[in-house]
Amino acid sequence: MPLAGKGMLITSMNVDPGDEADFNLWYDREHLAERVGIEGFLEARRFIADEAPTKYFNTYSTARFEDLDSPVYRKVLASPTEWSKKHMPRFRNFGRVVGRITVTRGQGRGAALGVVRLRPGAAAAEALRVRLHELLDPGVLPGIISLHLVESDAGLSKNLNEPDAPNPGAADWYVLIDGSEKAAVRELMGSRFAASGAPVVSTGIYRLLWDLERSDL
């Protein structure tokens, strides 16, 4: 199984150019390690856009979905570091998704990541889930390593800077395509998902900056 665990936190954002150098230093020297050190967190991965609506994209895997609303995680959220207080309020186009990993197929992960954001209606969710289980089979496609489905939890997927703001996409689903070649990821997004009739909201392609596992700490 390419993705360990059952829960995933996804964040995405843009930052002002004047803040970018210190923002990246904060992420690389404090933030990822702080999150991966929380009980139940297994791994974090940082990506940067090649063709995507937001520049930075991050995923955090947890052993259980419940770890994303645990007392220890909520305590960390309520007590940010000084460095975090500096940068978090400055995020632009900030997205935050708390979801369940419901499908993960393939072996391993790649340095190119395709992101397909879906918005299923409640009535169509089960049929789409069944269909996606078939679509997420990497088979023997060249340049494609593994595919995953993350189903957002509408109650927990909140913008921490504006928790009461309307969020029509809080229940969206995310297909993640791990590949070794950007062209292969782009082709699969177009041929299998964007052209499949699935309710696509947006797509993006990112490249891996680095990742951190709990065993690295």
N, C-alpha and C. Protein backbone atom coordinates (compact mmCIF):
# COMPACT_ATOMS: atom_id res chain seq x y z
N MET A 1 0.85 -1.20 0.00
CA MET A 1 0.00 0.00 0.00
C MET A 1 0.88 1.24 0.00
N PRO A 2 0.70 2.16 -0.97
CA PRO A 2 1.61 3.30 -1.08
C PRO A 2 1.45 4.33 0.03
N LEU A 3 0.23 4.56 0.52
CA LEU A 3 0.03 5.52 1.59
C LEU A 3 -0.29 4.79 2.88
N ALA A 4 0.52 4.99 3.89
CA ALA A 4 0.24 4.42 5.19
C ALA A 4 -0.80 5.29 5.89
N GLY A 5 -1.57 4.68 6.77
CA GLY A 5 -2.51 5.45 7.57
C GLY A 5 -3.85 5.62 6.91
N LYS A 6 -4.75 6.27 7.65
CA LYS A 6 -6.13 6.43 7.22
C LYS A 6 -6.56 7.89 7.09
N GLY A 7 -5.78 8.82 7.63
CA GLY A 7 -6.16 10.22 7.59
C GLY A 7 -5.15 11.06 6.84
N MET A 8 -5.62 12.18 6.28
CA MET A 8 -4.70 13.09 5.60
C MET A 8 -5.16 14.53 5.79
N LEU A 9 -4.20 15.37 6.15
CA LEU A 9 -4.38 16.82 6.15
C LEU A 9 -3.71 17.36 4.89
N ILE A 10 -4.45 18.17 4.13
CA ILE A 10 -3.92 18.81 2.93
C ILE A 10 -4.00 20.32 3.13
N THR A 11 -2.90 21.02 2.87
CA THR A 11 -2.93 22.48 2.89
C THR A 11 -2.33 23.01 1.60
N SER A 12 -2.81 24.17 1.20
CA SER A 12 -2.27 24.82 0.01
C SER A 12 -2.35 26.33 0.22
N MET A 13 -1.41 27.05 -0.36
CA MET A 13 -1.38 28.49 -0.16
C MET A 13 -0.45 29.18 -1.15
N ASN A 14 -0.65 30.47 -1.30
CA ASN A 14 0.32 31.36 -1.92
C ASN A 14 0.89 32.25 -0.82
N VAL A 15 2.05 32.83 -1.08
CA VAL A 15 2.66 33.77 -0.14
C VAL A 15 3.22 34.95 -0.93
N ASP A 16 3.30 36.07 -0.28
CA ASP A 16 3.87 37.25 -0.93
C ASP A 16 5.37 37.03 -1.18
N PRO A 17 5.89 37.49 -2.30
CA PRO A 17 7.31 37.29 -2.61
C PRO A 17 8.25 37.78 -1.51
N GLY A 18 7.90 38.88 -0.85
CA GLY A 18 8.77 39.39 0.20
C GLY A 18 8.84 38.50 1.42
N ASP A 19 7.85 37.62 1.61
CA ASP A 19 7.82 36.71 2.76
C ASP A 19 8.36 35.33 2.43
N GLU A 20 8.60 35.07 1.14
CA GLU A 20 8.80 33.71 0.68
C GLU A 20 10.06 33.04 1.25
N ALA A 21 11.15 33.74 1.31
CA ALA A 21 12.39 33.13 1.80
C ALA A 21 12.23 32.67 3.25
N ASP A 22 11.69 33.52 4.10
CA ASP A 22 11.51 33.13 5.50
C ASP A 22 10.40 32.11 5.65
N PHE A 23 9.36 32.20 4.81
CA PHE A 23 8.29 31.21 4.81
C PHE A 23 8.84 29.81 4.54
N ASN A 24 9.69 29.68 3.53
CA ASN A 24 10.26 28.37 3.20
C ASN A 24 11.20 27.88 4.29
N LEU A 25 11.95 28.80 4.90
CA LEU A 25 12.83 28.40 5.99
C LEU A 25 12.01 27.90 7.19
N TRP A 26 10.92 28.60 7.48
CA TRP A 26 10.03 28.16 8.57
C TRP A 26 9.48 26.76 8.30
N TYR A 27 9.00 26.53 7.08
CA TYR A 27 8.45 25.21 6.74
C TYR A 27 9.53 24.13 6.85
N ASP A 28 10.73 24.44 6.34
CA ASP A 28 11.78 23.43 6.25
C ASP A 28 12.49 23.18 7.57
N ARG A 29 12.53 24.17 8.44
CA ARG A 29 13.29 24.02 9.68
C ARG A 29 12.42 23.85 10.93
N GLU A 30 11.12 24.17 10.84
CA GLU A 30 10.28 24.04 12.02
C GLU A 30 8.96 23.34 11.74
N HIS A 31 8.20 23.83 10.77
CA HIS A 31 6.79 23.47 10.70
C HIS A 31 6.56 22.00 10.39
N LEU A 32 7.24 21.45 9.37
CA LEU A 32 7.02 20.04 9.05
C LEU A 32 7.41 19.14 10.21
N ALA A 33 8.55 19.41 10.83
CA ALA A 33 8.98 18.57 11.95
C ALA A 33 8.02 18.69 13.13
N GLU A 34 7.49 19.89 13.36
CA GLU A 34 6.54 20.06 14.45
C GLU A 34 5.29 19.22 14.21
N ARG A 35 4.78 19.24 12.98
CA ARG A 35 3.57 18.48 12.68
C ARG A 35 3.82 16.98 12.72
N VAL A 36 4.91 16.52 12.12
CA VAL A 36 5.19 15.08 12.09
C VAL A 36 5.47 14.55 13.50
N GLY A 37 5.91 15.42 14.40
CA GLY A 37 6.16 15.01 15.78
C GLY A 37 4.92 14.82 16.62
N ILE A 38 3.75 15.23 16.11
CA ILE A 38 2.50 15.06 16.85
C ILE A 38 2.10 13.59 16.85
N GLU A 39 1.63 13.12 17.97
CA GLU A 39 1.21 11.72 18.10
C GLU A 39 0.18 11.39 17.02
N GLY A 40 0.42 10.30 16.30
CA GLY A 40 -0.48 9.86 15.26
C GLY A 40 -0.08 10.30 13.86
N PHE A 41 0.74 11.36 13.74
CA PHE A 41 1.20 11.81 12.42
C PHE A 41 2.33 10.91 11.96
N LEU A 42 2.31 10.54 10.69
CA LEU A 42 3.28 9.59 10.14
C LEU A 42 4.29 10.24 9.20
N GLU A 43 3.84 11.21 8.40
CA GLU A 43 4.69 11.73 7.34
C GLU A 43 4.13 13.05 6.83
N ALA A 44 5.01 13.90 6.31
CA ALA A 44 4.60 15.13 5.63
C ALA A 44 5.38 15.24 4.32
N ARG A 45 4.72 15.81 3.30
CA ARG A 45 5.35 16.01 2.00
C ARG A 45 5.07 17.43 1.54
N ARG A 46 6.09 18.11 1.02
CA ARG A 46 5.98 19.48 0.51
C ARG A 46 6.13 19.48 -1.00
N PHE A 47 5.23 20.20 -1.67
CA PHE A 47 5.26 20.29 -3.13
C PHE A 47 5.22 21.75 -3.55
N ILE A 48 5.72 22.02 -4.75
CA ILE A 48 5.64 23.35 -5.35
C ILE A 48 5.01 23.21 -6.73
N ALA A 49 4.25 24.21 -7.15
CA ALA A 49 3.47 24.12 -8.37
C ALA A 49 4.33 24.13 -9.63
N ASP A 50 3.98 23.29 -10.57
CA ASP A 50 4.41 23.42 -11.96
C ASP A 50 3.28 24.03 -12.78
N GLU A 51 2.07 23.49 -12.59
CA GLU A 51 0.87 23.99 -13.27
C GLU A 51 -0.28 23.84 -12.28
N ALA A 52 -0.54 24.84 -11.48
CA ALA A 52 -1.53 24.70 -10.42
C ALA A 52 -2.04 26.05 -9.95
N PRO A 53 -3.22 26.09 -9.35
CA PRO A 53 -3.80 27.38 -8.92
C PRO A 53 -3.13 27.99 -7.69
N THR A 54 -2.49 27.18 -6.85
CA THR A 54 -1.74 27.73 -5.73
C THR A 54 -0.31 27.18 -5.78
N LYS A 55 0.65 27.98 -5.30
CA LYS A 55 2.06 27.65 -5.48
C LYS A 55 2.52 26.51 -4.60
N TYR A 56 2.05 26.46 -3.34
CA TYR A 56 2.54 25.46 -2.39
C TYR A 56 1.41 24.50 -2.02
N PHE A 57 1.76 23.22 -1.94
CA PHE A 57 0.80 22.16 -1.64
C PHE A 57 1.48 21.19 -0.69
N ASN A 58 0.79 20.81 0.38
CA ASN A 58 1.40 19.99 1.43
C ASN A 58 0.44 18.90 1.88
N THR A 59 0.96 17.71 2.15
CA THR A 59 0.14 16.62 2.66
C THR A 59 0.76 16.07 3.93
N TYR A 60 -0.11 15.69 4.87
CA TYR A 60 0.30 15.12 6.16
C TYR A 60 -0.54 13.88 6.40
N SER A 61 0.11 12.73 6.49
CA SER A 61 -0.60 11.47 6.71
C SER A 61 -0.64 11.12 8.19
N THR A 62 -1.76 10.56 8.62
CA THR A 62 -1.92 10.15 10.02
C THR A 62 -2.36 8.70 10.10
N ALA A 63 -2.03 8.06 11.20
CA ALA A 63 -2.36 6.65 11.37
C ALA A 63 -3.86 6.41 11.34
N ARG A 64 -4.61 7.29 12.00
CA ARG A 64 -6.06 7.20 12.04
C ARG A 64 -6.66 8.54 11.62
N PHE A 65 -7.84 8.51 11.08
CA PHE A 65 -8.50 9.77 10.78
C PHE A 65 -8.70 10.59 12.05
N GLU A 66 -8.99 9.92 13.16
CA GLU A 66 -9.26 10.60 14.43
C GLU A 66 -8.06 11.39 14.93
N ASP A 67 -6.85 11.06 14.46
CA ASP A 67 -5.66 11.81 14.88
C ASP A 67 -5.69 13.26 14.41
N LEU A 68 -6.53 13.55 13.42
CA LEU A 68 -6.63 14.91 12.90
C LEU A 68 -7.59 15.78 13.70
N ASP A 69 -8.17 15.21 14.76
CA ASP A 69 -9.00 15.99 15.68
C ASP A 69 -8.74 15.55 17.12
N SER A 70 -7.52 15.10 17.37
CA SER A 70 -7.17 14.60 18.69
C SER A 70 -6.88 15.75 19.65
N PRO A 71 -6.97 15.54 20.96
CA PRO A 71 -6.63 16.59 21.92
C PRO A 71 -5.22 17.13 21.75
N VAL A 72 -4.26 16.25 21.43
CA VAL A 72 -2.88 16.71 21.31
C VAL A 72 -2.72 17.58 20.06
N TYR A 73 -3.40 17.23 18.97
CA TYR A 73 -3.31 18.06 17.76
C TYR A 73 -4.02 19.39 17.98
N ARG A 74 -5.17 19.37 18.62
CA ARG A 74 -5.89 20.61 18.87
C ARG A 74 -5.09 21.53 19.80
N LYS A 75 -4.33 20.95 20.71
CA LYS A 75 -3.49 21.75 21.59
C LYS A 75 -2.39 22.46 20.80
N VAL A 76 -1.79 21.77 19.85
CA VAL A 76 -0.76 22.38 19.00
C VAL A 76 -1.37 23.52 18.17
N LEU A 77 -2.56 23.29 17.62
CA LEU A 77 -3.21 24.33 16.83
C LEU A 77 -3.52 25.57 17.67
N ALA A 78 -3.85 25.35 18.94
CA ALA A 78 -4.22 26.46 19.81
C ALA A 78 -3.00 27.21 20.36
N SER A 79 -1.81 26.62 20.20
CA SER A 79 -0.60 27.24 20.76
C SER A 79 0.50 27.32 19.71
N PRO A 80 0.31 28.09 18.65
CA PRO A 80 1.32 28.15 17.59
C PRO A 80 2.61 28.79 18.07
N THR A 81 3.71 28.41 17.45
CA THR A 81 5.00 29.02 17.75
C THR A 81 5.02 30.46 17.26
N GLU A 82 5.98 31.22 17.71
CA GLU A 82 6.11 32.61 17.26
C GLU A 82 6.35 32.67 15.75
N TRP A 83 7.14 31.74 15.23
CA TRP A 83 7.40 31.71 13.80
C TRP A 83 6.11 31.40 13.04
N SER A 84 5.29 30.49 13.58
CA SER A 84 4.01 30.17 12.95
C SER A 84 3.07 31.37 12.98
N LYS A 85 3.05 32.08 14.11
CA LYS A 85 2.18 33.27 14.22
C LYS A 85 2.55 34.32 13.18
N LYS A 86 3.81 34.36 12.82
CA LYS A 86 4.24 35.34 11.81
C LYS A 86 3.69 35.01 10.43
N HIS A 87 3.74 33.71 10.07
CA HIS A 87 3.43 33.36 8.69
C HIS A 87 1.99 32.93 8.44
N MET A 88 1.38 32.21 9.35
CA MET A 88 0.05 31.66 9.07
C MET A 88 -0.99 32.72 8.70
N PRO A 89 -1.04 33.86 9.37
CA PRO A 89 -2.04 34.87 8.98
C PRO A 89 -1.77 35.50 7.62
N ARG A 90 -0.58 35.29 7.07
CA ARG A 90 -0.22 35.91 5.80
C ARG A 90 -0.50 35.02 4.59
N PHE A 91 -0.96 33.79 4.81
CA PHE A 91 -1.26 32.91 3.68
C PHE A 91 -2.31 33.56 2.79
N ARG A 92 -2.14 33.42 1.49
CA ARG A 92 -3.14 33.87 0.53
C ARG A 92 -3.70 32.66 -0.22
N ASN A 93 -4.99 32.74 -0.55
CA ASN A 93 -5.67 31.61 -1.21
C ASN A 93 -5.46 30.31 -0.43
N PHE A 94 -5.61 30.42 0.87
CA PHE A 94 -5.31 29.30 1.75
C PHE A 94 -6.40 28.23 1.67
N GLY A 95 -5.99 26.98 1.52
CA GLY A 95 -6.91 25.85 1.56
C GLY A 95 -6.46 24.87 2.63
N ARG A 96 -7.43 24.31 3.34
CA ARG A 96 -7.12 23.33 4.39
C ARG A 96 -8.17 22.23 4.34
N VAL A 97 -7.71 21.00 4.14
CA VAL A 97 -8.59 19.85 3.99
C VAL A 97 -8.22 18.81 5.03
N VAL A 98 -9.20 18.35 5.78
CA VAL A 98 -9.04 17.22 6.69
C VAL A 98 -9.88 16.09 6.13
N GLY A 99 -9.23 14.98 5.78
CA GLY A 99 -9.98 13.93 5.10
C GLY A 99 -9.55 12.52 5.44
N ARG A 100 -10.34 11.61 4.92
CA ARG A 100 -10.08 10.18 5.06
C ARG A 100 -9.46 9.65 3.77
N ILE A 101 -8.41 8.84 3.90
CA ILE A 101 -7.84 8.15 2.74
C ILE A 101 -8.69 6.91 2.52
N THR A 102 -9.54 6.93 1.49
CA THR A 102 -10.47 5.83 1.29
C THR A 102 -10.03 4.85 0.20
N VAL A 103 -9.14 5.31 -0.70
CA VAL A 103 -8.59 4.42 -1.72
C VAL A 103 -7.12 4.78 -1.90
N THR A 104 -6.26 3.80 -1.97
CA THR A 104 -4.85 4.03 -2.31
C THR A 104 -4.36 2.79 -3.05
N ARG A 105 -3.95 2.98 -4.31
CA ARG A 105 -3.61 1.85 -5.16
C ARG A 105 -2.27 2.10 -5.85
N GLY A 106 -1.49 1.04 -5.99
CA GLY A 106 -0.19 1.12 -6.61
C GLY A 106 0.90 0.76 -5.62
N GLN A 107 2.13 1.01 -6.01
CA GLN A 107 3.28 0.71 -5.16
C GLN A 107 4.24 1.89 -5.20
N GLY A 108 4.44 2.52 -4.06
CA GLY A 108 5.38 3.63 -3.98
C GLY A 108 4.74 4.96 -4.36
N ARG A 109 5.60 5.98 -4.43
CA ARG A 109 5.15 7.33 -4.75
C ARG A 109 6.18 7.99 -5.64
N GLY A 110 5.74 9.04 -6.34
CA GLY A 110 6.62 9.69 -7.30
C GLY A 110 6.92 11.12 -6.93
N ALA A 111 7.79 11.76 -7.72
CA ALA A 111 8.17 13.15 -7.49
C ALA A 111 7.24 14.13 -8.17
N ALA A 112 6.39 13.64 -9.09
CA ALA A 112 5.37 14.48 -9.72
C ALA A 112 4.02 14.12 -9.13
N LEU A 113 3.24 15.14 -8.78
CA LEU A 113 1.94 14.90 -8.15
C LEU A 113 0.85 15.63 -8.94
N GLY A 114 -0.16 14.88 -9.34
CA GLY A 114 -1.35 15.46 -9.92
C GLY A 114 -2.44 15.54 -8.88
N VAL A 115 -3.17 16.65 -8.86
CA VAL A 115 -4.24 16.86 -7.90
C VAL A 115 -5.52 17.16 -8.67
N VAL A 116 -6.53 16.32 -8.48
CA VAL A 116 -7.83 16.53 -9.12
C VAL A 116 -8.85 16.74 -8.00
N ARG A 117 -9.43 17.92 -7.96
CA ARG A 117 -10.42 18.25 -6.92
C ARG A 117 -11.82 18.00 -7.47
N LEU A 118 -12.59 17.18 -6.76
CA LEU A 118 -13.92 16.78 -7.18
C LEU A 118 -14.96 17.29 -6.20
N ARG A 119 -16.18 17.53 -6.69
CA ARG A 119 -17.26 17.97 -5.80
C ARG A 119 -18.49 17.08 -6.04
N PRO A 120 -18.52 15.91 -5.39
CA PRO A 120 -19.66 15.02 -5.59
C PRO A 120 -20.88 15.49 -4.81
N GLY A 121 -22.05 15.35 -5.38
CA GLY A 121 -23.25 15.59 -4.61
C GLY A 121 -23.47 14.45 -3.64
N ALA A 122 -24.18 14.71 -2.56
CA ALA A 122 -24.40 13.68 -1.55
C ALA A 122 -25.06 12.44 -2.14
N ALA A 123 -25.99 12.65 -3.06
CA ALA A 123 -26.72 11.52 -3.62
C ALA A 123 -25.84 10.66 -4.53
N ALA A 124 -24.80 11.27 -5.11
CA ALA A 124 -23.97 10.55 -6.07
C ALA A 124 -22.67 10.03 -5.46
N ALA A 125 -22.45 10.27 -4.17
CA ALA A 125 -21.15 9.98 -3.57
C ALA A 125 -20.81 8.49 -3.64
N GLU A 126 -21.73 7.63 -3.30
CA GLU A 126 -21.40 6.20 -3.25
C GLU A 126 -21.09 5.66 -4.64
N ALA A 127 -21.87 6.05 -5.63
CA ALA A 127 -21.61 5.60 -7.00
C ALA A 127 -20.27 6.11 -7.50
N LEU A 128 -19.94 7.37 -7.17
CA LEU A 128 -18.66 7.92 -7.59
C LEU A 128 -17.51 7.21 -6.89
N ARG A 129 -17.69 6.87 -5.62
CA ARG A 129 -16.64 6.16 -4.88
C ARG A 129 -16.33 4.82 -5.54
N VAL A 130 -17.35 4.10 -5.93
CA VAL A 130 -17.16 2.81 -6.60
C VAL A 130 -16.45 3.00 -7.94
N ARG A 131 -16.87 4.01 -8.67
CA ARG A 131 -16.25 4.27 -9.97
C ARG A 131 -14.79 4.67 -9.82
N LEU A 132 -14.50 5.50 -8.82
CA LEU A 132 -13.13 5.95 -8.63
C LEU A 132 -12.21 4.81 -8.22
N HIS A 133 -12.73 3.84 -7.51
CA HIS A 133 -11.88 2.69 -7.14
C HIS A 133 -11.32 2.03 -8.39
N GLU A 134 -12.11 2.00 -9.46
CA GLU A 134 -11.63 1.44 -10.72
C GLU A 134 -10.67 2.41 -11.42
N LEU A 135 -11.03 3.69 -11.44
CA LEU A 135 -10.21 4.68 -12.12
C LEU A 135 -8.85 4.89 -11.46
N LEU A 136 -8.74 4.56 -10.18
CA LEU A 136 -7.49 4.77 -9.45
C LEU A 136 -6.52 3.59 -9.56
N ASP A 137 -6.78 2.67 -10.44
CA ASP A 137 -5.87 1.56 -10.69
C ASP A 137 -4.77 2.03 -11.65
N PRO A 138 -3.50 2.09 -11.20
CA PRO A 138 -2.43 2.58 -12.09
C PRO A 138 -2.09 1.60 -13.20
N GLY A 139 -2.47 0.33 -13.04
CA GLY A 139 -2.16 -0.66 -14.06
C GLY A 139 -0.68 -0.68 -14.38
N VAL A 140 -0.36 -0.65 -15.66
CA VAL A 140 1.04 -0.63 -16.09
C VAL A 140 1.32 0.64 -16.90
N LEU A 141 0.61 1.71 -16.58
CA LEU A 141 0.81 2.97 -17.29
C LEU A 141 2.22 3.50 -17.03
N PRO A 142 2.98 3.82 -18.06
CA PRO A 142 4.33 4.37 -17.85
C PRO A 142 4.25 5.74 -17.20
N GLY A 143 5.14 5.97 -16.24
CA GLY A 143 5.22 7.26 -15.57
C GLY A 143 4.22 7.47 -14.47
N ILE A 144 3.35 6.48 -14.19
CA ILE A 144 2.35 6.57 -13.12
C ILE A 144 2.70 5.53 -12.04
N ILE A 145 2.82 5.98 -10.80
CA ILE A 145 3.25 5.10 -9.71
C ILE A 145 2.07 4.63 -8.86
N SER A 146 1.26 5.58 -8.39
CA SER A 146 0.14 5.22 -7.51
C SER A 146 -0.91 6.31 -7.53
N LEU A 147 -2.13 5.96 -7.12
CA LEU A 147 -3.23 6.91 -7.09
C LEU A 147 -4.01 6.75 -5.79
N HIS A 148 -4.58 7.87 -5.31
CA HIS A 148 -5.22 7.87 -4.00
C HIS A 148 -6.46 8.75 -4.02
N LEU A 149 -7.40 8.43 -3.14
CA LEU A 149 -8.60 9.25 -2.96
C LEU A 149 -8.67 9.70 -1.51
N VAL A 150 -8.81 11.01 -1.32
CA VAL A 150 -8.99 11.59 0.01
C VAL A 150 -10.36 12.27 0.03
N GLU A 151 -11.22 11.83 0.94
CA GLU A 151 -12.57 12.38 1.06
C GLU A 151 -12.61 13.33 2.25
N SER A 152 -12.89 14.60 1.98
CA SER A 152 -12.85 15.63 3.01
C SER A 152 -13.97 15.45 4.03
N ASP A 153 -13.66 15.84 5.25
CA ASP A 153 -14.66 15.95 6.31
C ASP A 153 -15.09 17.41 6.39
N ALA A 154 -16.37 17.68 6.09
CA ALA A 154 -16.84 19.07 6.00
C ALA A 154 -16.73 19.80 7.33
N GLY A 155 -16.91 19.10 8.44
CA GLY A 155 -16.87 19.75 9.74
C GLY A 155 -15.48 20.16 10.18
N LEU A 156 -14.45 19.41 9.75
CA LEU A 156 -13.08 19.67 10.19
C LEU A 156 -12.26 20.46 9.18
N SER A 157 -12.73 20.54 7.95
CA SER A 157 -11.96 21.22 6.89
C SER A 157 -12.24 22.72 6.94
N LYS A 158 -11.58 23.39 7.86
CA LYS A 158 -11.79 24.82 8.08
C LYS A 158 -10.50 25.60 7.87
N ASN A 159 -10.66 26.80 7.39
CA ASN A 159 -9.55 27.75 7.32
C ASN A 159 -9.29 28.25 8.74
N LEU A 160 -8.15 27.92 9.31
CA LEU A 160 -7.88 28.28 10.71
C LEU A 160 -7.81 29.78 10.91
N ASN A 161 -7.50 30.53 9.85
CA ASN A 161 -7.47 31.99 9.96
C ASN A 161 -8.87 32.59 9.94
N GLU A 162 -9.82 31.89 9.29
CA GLU A 162 -11.21 32.35 9.21
C GLU A 162 -12.15 31.16 9.40
N PRO A 163 -12.21 30.60 10.61
CA PRO A 163 -12.96 29.35 10.82
C PRO A 163 -14.45 29.45 10.57
N ASP A 164 -15.02 30.64 10.65
CA ASP A 164 -16.46 30.80 10.45
C ASP A 164 -16.82 31.26 9.05
N ALA A 165 -15.84 31.41 8.19
CA ALA A 165 -16.12 31.86 6.82
C ALA A 165 -16.81 30.75 6.03
N PRO A 166 -17.73 31.09 5.12
CA PRO A 166 -18.37 30.07 4.27
C PRO A 166 -17.34 29.28 3.48
N ASN A 167 -17.57 27.99 3.35
CA ASN A 167 -16.61 27.13 2.66
C ASN A 167 -17.38 26.11 1.82
N PRO A 168 -17.81 26.49 0.63
CA PRO A 168 -18.62 25.59 -0.19
C PRO A 168 -17.88 24.33 -0.61
N GLY A 169 -16.55 24.35 -0.56
CA GLY A 169 -15.79 23.17 -0.96
C GLY A 169 -15.33 22.30 0.19
N ALA A 170 -15.91 22.47 1.38
CA ALA A 170 -15.44 21.75 2.56
C ALA A 170 -15.58 20.24 2.44
N ALA A 171 -16.53 19.78 1.63
CA ALA A 171 -16.76 18.34 1.48
C ALA A 171 -16.19 17.80 0.17
N ASP A 172 -15.32 18.55 -0.49
CA ASP A 172 -14.75 18.09 -1.76
C ASP A 172 -13.86 16.87 -1.55
N TRP A 173 -13.68 16.13 -2.61
CA TRP A 173 -12.77 14.99 -2.62
C TRP A 173 -11.54 15.36 -3.45
N TYR A 174 -10.41 14.70 -3.13
CA TYR A 174 -9.16 14.97 -3.83
C TYR A 174 -8.56 13.66 -4.34
N VAL A 175 -8.36 13.58 -5.63
CA VAL A 175 -7.61 12.48 -6.23
C VAL A 175 -6.16 12.93 -6.34
N LEU A 176 -5.25 12.14 -5.79
CA LEU A 176 -3.82 12.42 -5.85
C LEU A 176 -3.16 11.38 -6.75
N ILE A 177 -2.43 11.85 -7.74
CA ILE A 177 -1.77 10.97 -8.70
C ILE A 177 -0.26 11.11 -8.53
N ASP A 178 0.38 10.07 -8.04
CA ASP A 178 1.84 10.07 -7.88
C ASP A 178 2.47 9.51 -9.15
N GLY A 179 3.37 10.28 -9.76
CA GLY A 179 4.01 9.82 -10.97
C GLY A 179 5.49 10.15 -10.99
N SER A 180 6.18 9.55 -11.93
CA SER A 180 7.60 9.84 -12.12
C SER A 180 7.82 10.83 -13.24
N GLU A 181 6.77 11.09 -14.04
CA GLU A 181 6.88 12.00 -15.18
C GLU A 181 5.68 12.95 -15.19
N LYS A 182 5.95 14.24 -15.26
CA LYS A 182 4.87 15.23 -15.26
C LYS A 182 3.94 15.03 -16.45
N ALA A 183 4.48 14.73 -17.62
CA ALA A 183 3.65 14.56 -18.81
C ALA A 183 2.67 13.41 -18.64
N ALA A 184 3.11 12.34 -18.01
CA ALA A 184 2.23 11.19 -17.79
C ALA A 184 1.11 11.54 -16.83
N VAL A 185 1.43 12.31 -15.80
CA VAL A 185 0.42 12.75 -14.84
C VAL A 185 -0.61 13.65 -15.53
N ARG A 186 -0.13 14.59 -16.34
CA ARG A 186 -1.04 15.49 -17.05
C ARG A 186 -1.96 14.71 -17.98
N GLU A 187 -1.42 13.77 -18.71
CA GLU A 187 -2.21 12.98 -19.64
C GLU A 187 -3.28 12.18 -18.91
N LEU A 188 -2.92 11.59 -17.78
CA LEU A 188 -3.89 10.78 -17.04
C LEU A 188 -4.99 11.65 -16.46
N MET A 189 -4.66 12.83 -15.97
CA MET A 189 -5.69 13.71 -15.44
C MET A 189 -6.71 14.06 -16.51
N GLY A 190 -6.23 14.32 -17.71
CA GLY A 190 -7.14 14.70 -18.78
C GLY A 190 -7.94 13.55 -19.34
N SER A 191 -7.29 12.40 -19.51
CA SER A 191 -7.97 11.28 -20.16
C SER A 191 -8.86 10.49 -19.23
N ARG A 192 -8.48 10.40 -17.97
CA ARG A 192 -9.21 9.52 -17.07
C ARG A 192 -10.15 10.27 -16.14
N PHE A 193 -9.85 11.52 -15.80
CA PHE A 193 -10.67 12.23 -14.82
C PHE A 193 -11.37 13.44 -15.41
N ALA A 194 -10.64 14.38 -15.96
CA ALA A 194 -11.27 15.60 -16.48
C ALA A 194 -12.25 15.27 -17.60
N ALA A 195 -11.98 14.22 -18.38
CA ALA A 195 -12.86 13.84 -19.49
C ALA A 195 -13.81 12.71 -19.14
N SER A 196 -13.87 12.33 -17.87
CA SER A 196 -14.66 11.17 -17.47
C SER A 196 -16.08 11.51 -17.08
N GLY A 197 -16.40 12.80 -16.97
CA GLY A 197 -17.72 13.18 -16.49
C GLY A 197 -17.78 13.34 -14.99
N ALA A 198 -16.67 13.07 -14.28
CA ALA A 198 -16.62 13.30 -12.84
C ALA A 198 -16.70 14.80 -12.57
N PRO A 199 -17.28 15.20 -11.43
CA PRO A 199 -17.49 16.63 -11.15
C PRO A 199 -16.18 17.33 -10.74
N VAL A 200 -15.35 17.67 -11.72
CA VAL A 200 -14.03 18.25 -11.46
C VAL A 200 -14.16 19.75 -11.17
N VAL A 201 -13.58 20.19 -10.06
CA VAL A 201 -13.54 21.61 -9.69
C VAL A 201 -12.26 22.25 -10.20
N SER A 202 -11.14 21.57 -10.01
CA SER A 202 -9.85 22.11 -10.45
C SER A 202 -8.84 20.98 -10.56
N THR A 203 -7.75 21.25 -11.27
CA THR A 203 -6.64 20.31 -11.37
C THR A 203 -5.33 21.07 -11.19
N GLY A 204 -4.30 20.34 -10.84
CA GLY A 204 -2.99 20.96 -10.69
C GLY A 204 -1.90 19.91 -10.75
N ILE A 205 -0.70 20.35 -11.12
CA ILE A 205 0.47 19.47 -11.14
C ILE A 205 1.56 20.12 -10.29
N TYR A 206 2.12 19.33 -9.40
CA TYR A 206 3.16 19.81 -8.48
C TYR A 206 4.37 18.89 -8.56
N ARG A 207 5.51 19.42 -8.13
CA ARG A 207 6.70 18.58 -7.99
C ARG A 207 7.12 18.56 -6.52
N LEU A 208 7.66 17.44 -6.11
CA LEU A 208 8.05 17.25 -4.72
C LEU A 208 9.26 18.10 -4.38
N LEU A 209 9.17 18.85 -3.26
CA LEU A 209 10.33 19.54 -2.71
C LEU A 209 11.09 18.62 -1.76
N TRP A 210 10.38 18.06 -0.77
CA TRP A 210 10.99 17.08 0.13
C TRP A 210 9.90 16.49 1.01
N ASP A 211 10.25 15.40 1.69
CA ASP A 211 9.30 14.80 2.62
C ASP A 211 9.99 14.42 3.91
N LEU A 212 9.19 14.20 4.93
CA LEU A 212 9.72 13.90 6.26
C LEU A 212 8.85 12.83 6.91
N GLU A 213 9.48 11.73 7.32
CA GLU A 213 8.78 10.67 8.02
C GLU A 213 9.06 10.77 9.52
N ARG A 214 8.15 10.21 10.29
CA ARG A 214 8.33 10.24 11.74
C ARG A 214 9.65 9.59 12.17
N SER A 215 10.08 8.56 11.45
CA SER A 215 11.33 7.87 11.77
C SER A 215 12.54 8.75 11.51
N ASP A 216 12.37 9.86 10.76
CA ASP A 216 13.48 10.78 10.50
C ASP A 216 13.77 11.71 11.66
N LEU A 217 12.82 11.85 12.56
CA LEU A 217 12.98 12.82 13.66
C LEU A 217 13.98 12.32 14.69
